Amino acid sequence: MAHDEHLQKAFSYFDKDGNGYIEPEELRDALMEDGADDCTNVANDIFQEVDTDKDGKISYDEFAAMMKTETDWRKASRHYSRGRFNSLSIKLMKDGSLSLGNE
């Protein structure tokens, strides 16, 4: 996930309104789609770790920093597993949102 294009596509998956930030409700909705049990607590835990400037939203830079330093979602939330993130990556590749080939 270190490649910027892949990061941008992954970020866009969460940034549903395209405003350049992942907001708590967007993260909760994405987690719900992915089958997380307690989306509100999971989103809150993730925001605690990833929202480094504490403005209540995750910028692309904060998201990219988390992904590039290999911060595990489990660190951000004990409720969310790396397996679920991997599942999301596979889902994005299958629907064409994320591609590993050279385009």
Protein backbone atom coordinates (compact mmCIF):
# COMPACT_ATOMS: atom_id res chain seq x y z
CA MET A 1 0.00 0.00 0.00
CA ALA A 2 2.98 2.36 -0.15
CA HIS A 3 2.19 3.38 -3.73
CA ASP A 4 0.40 6.77 -3.74
CA GLU A 5 -2.17 5.78 -6.36
CA HIS A 6 -3.25 2.81 -4.26
CA LEU A 7 -3.35 4.96 -1.14
CA GLN A 8 -5.52 7.53 -2.92
CA LYS A 9 -7.97 4.86 -4.04
CA ALA A 10 -8.11 3.34 -0.57
CA PHE A 11 -8.62 6.82 0.94
CA SER A 12 -11.41 7.51 -1.56
CA TYR A 13 -13.18 4.34 -0.46
CA PHE A 14 -13.63 5.93 2.97
CA ASP A 15 -14.04 9.56 1.83
CA LYS A 16 -17.51 9.01 0.38
CA ASP A 17 -18.38 12.70 -0.08
CA GLY A 18 -15.04 13.49 -1.72
CA ASN A 19 -14.26 16.46 0.53
CA GLY A 20 -10.68 15.33 1.19
CA TYR A 21 -11.32 14.03 4.72
CA ILE A 22 -12.55 10.82 6.28
CA GLU A 23 -15.17 11.87 8.78
CA PRO A 24 -16.44 9.70 11.65
CA GLU A 25 -19.73 8.83 9.94
CA GLU A 26 -17.95 7.85 6.71
CA LEU A 27 -15.60 5.59 8.63
CA ARG A 28 -18.50 4.04 10.57
CA ASP A 29 -20.41 3.40 7.31
CA ALA A 30 -17.36 1.79 5.68
CA LEU A 31 -16.76 -0.37 8.74
CA MET A 32 -20.40 -1.40 8.77
CA GLU A 33 -20.13 -2.43 5.10
CA ASP A 34 -17.11 -4.51 6.04
CA GLY A 35 -18.96 -6.28 8.84
CA ALA A 36 -17.38 -4.72 11.93
CA ASP A 37 -19.44 -5.55 15.02
CA ASP A 38 -19.32 -2.27 16.94
CA CYS A 39 -18.73 0.39 14.30
CA THR A 40 -19.00 3.39 16.59
CA ASN A 41 -16.38 2.15 19.06
CA VAL A 42 -14.13 0.96 16.25
CA ALA A 43 -14.34 4.34 14.47
CA ASN A 44 -13.68 6.20 17.72
CA ASP A 45 -10.64 4.03 18.47
CA ILE A 46 -9.24 4.53 14.98
CA PHE A 47 -9.77 8.29 15.17
CA GLN A 48 -7.96 8.41 18.52
CA GLU A 49 -4.86 6.96 16.87
CA VAL A 50 -4.95 8.33 13.32
CA ASP A 51 -6.39 11.86 13.72
CA THR A 52 -3.09 13.31 14.89
CA ASP A 53 -4.15 16.97 14.69
CA LYS A 54 -7.37 16.15 16.60
CA ASP A 55 -9.62 18.11 14.23
CA GLY A 56 -12.27 15.36 14.16
CA LYS A 57 -11.46 14.12 10.67
CA ILE A 58 -8.70 12.13 8.99
CA SER A 59 -6.86 13.95 6.22
CA TYR A 60 -5.18 12.17 3.35
CA ASP A 61 -1.80 12.94 4.92
CA GLU A 62 -2.84 11.35 8.24
CA PHE A 63 -4.22 8.31 6.41
CA ALA A 64 -1.09 7.96 4.26
CA ALA A 65 1.20 8.35 7.29
CA MET A 66 -0.68 5.58 9.06
CA MET A 67 -0.49 3.27 6.04
CA LYS A 68 3.15 4.02 5.20
CA THR A 69 4.31 3.44 8.77
CA GLU A 70 2.35 0.18 8.71
CA THR A 71 0.24 1.15 11.69
CA ASP A 72 -2.03 -1.79 12.13
CA TRP A 73 -5.75 -1.11 12.44
CA ARG A 74 -5.57 -3.34 15.53
CA LYS A 75 -3.32 -0.76 17.18
CA ALA A 76 -5.85 1.93 16.39
CA SER A 77 -8.67 -0.31 17.50
CA ARG A 78 -8.55 -3.55 19.38
CA HIS A 79 -11.90 -4.31 17.70
CA TYR A 80 -10.60 -4.18 14.13
CA SER A 81 -8.25 -6.74 12.65
CA ARG A 82 -5.64 -6.60 9.92
CA GLY A 83 -7.60 -9.40 8.28
CA ARG A 84 -10.57 -7.11 7.79
CA PHE A 85 -8.36 -4.45 6.21
CA ASN A 86 -6.88 -7.11 3.91
CA SER A 87 -10.43 -8.16 3.06
CA LEU A 88 -11.22 -4.57 2.11
CA SER A 89 -8.11 -4.41 -0.10
CA ILE A 90 -9.20 -7.57 -1.90
CA LYS A 91 -12.71 -6.14 -2.32
CA LEU A 92 -11.27 -2.96 -3.87
CA MET A 93 -9.14 -4.99 -6.27
CA LYS A 94 -12.07 -7.18 -7.33
CA ASP A 95 -14.38 -4.25 -8.06
CA GLY A 96 -11.63 -2.49 -10.02
CA SER A 97 -11.14 0.39 -7.57
CA LEU A 98 -7.63 -0.78 -6.83
CA SER A 99 -5.25 -2.27 -9.33
CA LEU A 100 -1.75 -3.61 -8.78
CA GLY A 101 -0.78 -3.52 -12.45
CA ASN A 102 0.86 -0.66 -14.27
CA GLU A 103 -1.77 1.49 -15.90
